[in-house]
Amino acid sequence: MKLSQISENRKLIKLTCSDDDIISKYGEPLDFYIWDKQPIEIGLALAYSKENEYDDLEDILKQLILNSKAEQVIQPGYKMPNEVLLAAFFKIAEVI
């Protein structure tokens, strides 16, 4: 098989954070999107992130968490609540 046969455009996939803590605090599940295929540097950065390097992890999550128009949800200078970032991280880890 040729590599060109399995190469295709990326697609947005919808993920939902619906654990009890999120629903309790925000009243409903929280939806976001990621690309089904990530650049290799994202995968390597996640794989090789070290304990206590939370700023690096947050920067990676900012790149990954998108809205339905493929725009970054977390804009420069803004922060996402920690419980939301962690819930999103675990959802993303399930698919990449």
Protein backbone atom coordinates (compact mmCIF):
# COMPACT_ATOMS: atom_id res chain seq x y z
CA MET A 1 0.00 0.00 0.00
CA LYS A 2 1.24 3.48 -0.79
CA LEU A 3 1.25 6.13 1.92
CA SER A 4 -0.71 8.43 -0.37
CA GLN A 5 -3.62 6.00 -0.10
CA ILE A 6 -4.00 6.54 3.64
CA SER A 7 -3.24 10.25 3.70
CA GLU A 8 -6.34 12.40 4.03
CA ASN A 9 -7.48 15.79 5.24
CA ARG A 10 -7.99 16.24 8.94
CA LYS A 11 -11.48 16.45 10.35
CA LEU A 12 -12.84 18.15 13.44
CA ILE A 13 -14.21 15.78 16.02
CA LYS A 14 -16.48 16.80 18.86
CA LEU A 15 -15.60 15.84 22.42
CA THR A 16 -17.80 16.33 25.46
CA CYS A 17 -16.79 16.74 29.09
CA SER A 18 -19.75 15.30 30.96
CA ASP A 19 -18.40 14.08 34.27
CA ASP A 20 -20.41 14.80 37.40
CA ASP A 21 -18.10 17.60 38.60
CA ILE A 22 -18.44 19.52 35.33
CA ILE A 23 -22.21 19.15 35.18
CA SER A 24 -22.55 20.08 38.85
CA LYS A 25 -20.50 23.26 38.43
CA TYR A 26 -21.62 24.39 34.94
CA GLY A 27 -25.11 22.89 34.76
CA GLU A 28 -24.49 21.01 31.52
CA PRO A 29 -21.82 19.08 29.62
CA LEU A 30 -19.11 21.14 27.92
CA ASP A 31 -18.42 20.51 24.22
CA PHE A 32 -15.24 21.29 22.32
CA TYR A 33 -13.49 20.12 19.19
CA ILE A 34 -10.07 18.83 18.22
CA TRP A 35 -8.54 17.70 14.95
CA ASP A 36 -8.65 13.93 14.44
CA LYS A 37 -4.97 14.07 13.41
CA GLN A 38 -2.47 16.17 15.31
CA PRO A 39 0.93 17.49 14.26
CA ILE A 40 3.74 15.23 15.43
CA GLU A 41 5.15 17.96 17.67
CA ILE A 42 1.93 17.96 19.70
CA GLY A 43 2.09 14.21 20.26
CA LEU A 44 5.78 14.36 21.17
CA ALA A 45 5.25 17.30 23.52
CA LEU A 46 2.52 15.40 25.35
CA ALA A 47 4.55 12.21 25.46
CA TYR A 48 7.67 13.90 26.79
CA SER A 49 6.12 16.47 29.09
CA LYS A 50 7.63 16.22 32.52
CA GLU A 51 5.99 16.22 35.89
CA ASN A 52 5.26 19.75 37.15
CA GLU A 53 5.53 21.38 33.70
CA TYR A 54 1.97 22.64 33.84
CA ASP A 55 2.61 25.76 31.77
CA ASP A 56 3.81 23.62 28.86
CA LEU A 57 0.79 21.36 29.16
CA GLU A 58 -1.54 24.35 29.27
CA ASP A 59 0.08 25.77 26.12
CA ILE A 60 -0.46 22.45 24.34
CA LEU A 61 -4.09 22.29 25.44
CA LYS A 62 -4.65 25.86 24.20
CA GLN A 63 -3.59 24.68 20.74
CA LEU A 64 -5.76 21.57 20.85
CA ILE A 65 -9.07 22.88 22.23
CA LEU A 66 -11.08 24.36 19.36
CA ASN A 67 -14.60 25.53 18.65
CA SER A 68 -16.78 24.20 15.82
CA LYS A 69 -15.10 26.65 13.40
CA ALA A 70 -11.63 25.25 14.23
CA GLU A 71 -10.67 28.39 16.16
CA GLN A 72 -8.79 28.23 19.44
CA VAL A 73 -11.17 28.54 22.37
CA ILE A 74 -8.59 29.85 24.84
CA GLN A 75 -7.35 33.17 23.50
CA PRO A 76 -3.96 34.66 24.44
CA GLY A 77 -4.04 36.15 27.91
CA TYR A 78 -7.07 34.14 28.98
CA LYS A 79 -7.21 31.14 31.30
CA MET A 80 -9.56 28.18 31.45
CA PRO A 81 -10.64 26.87 34.88
CA ASN A 82 -8.38 24.03 36.00
CA GLU A 83 -11.20 21.51 36.33
CA VAL A 84 -12.21 22.18 32.72
CA LEU A 85 -8.63 21.89 31.45
CA LEU A 86 -8.17 18.60 33.25
CA ALA A 87 -11.47 17.20 32.00
CA ALA A 88 -10.56 18.25 28.45
CA PHE A 89 -7.09 16.75 28.81
CA PHE A 90 -8.50 13.36 29.79
CA LYS A 91 -11.00 13.45 26.90
CA ILE A 92 -8.24 14.34 24.44
CA ALA A 93 -6.04 11.57 25.82
CA GLU A 94 -8.77 9.07 24.95
CA VAL A 95 -8.55 9.90 21.23
CA ILE A 96 -4.96 10.87 20.42
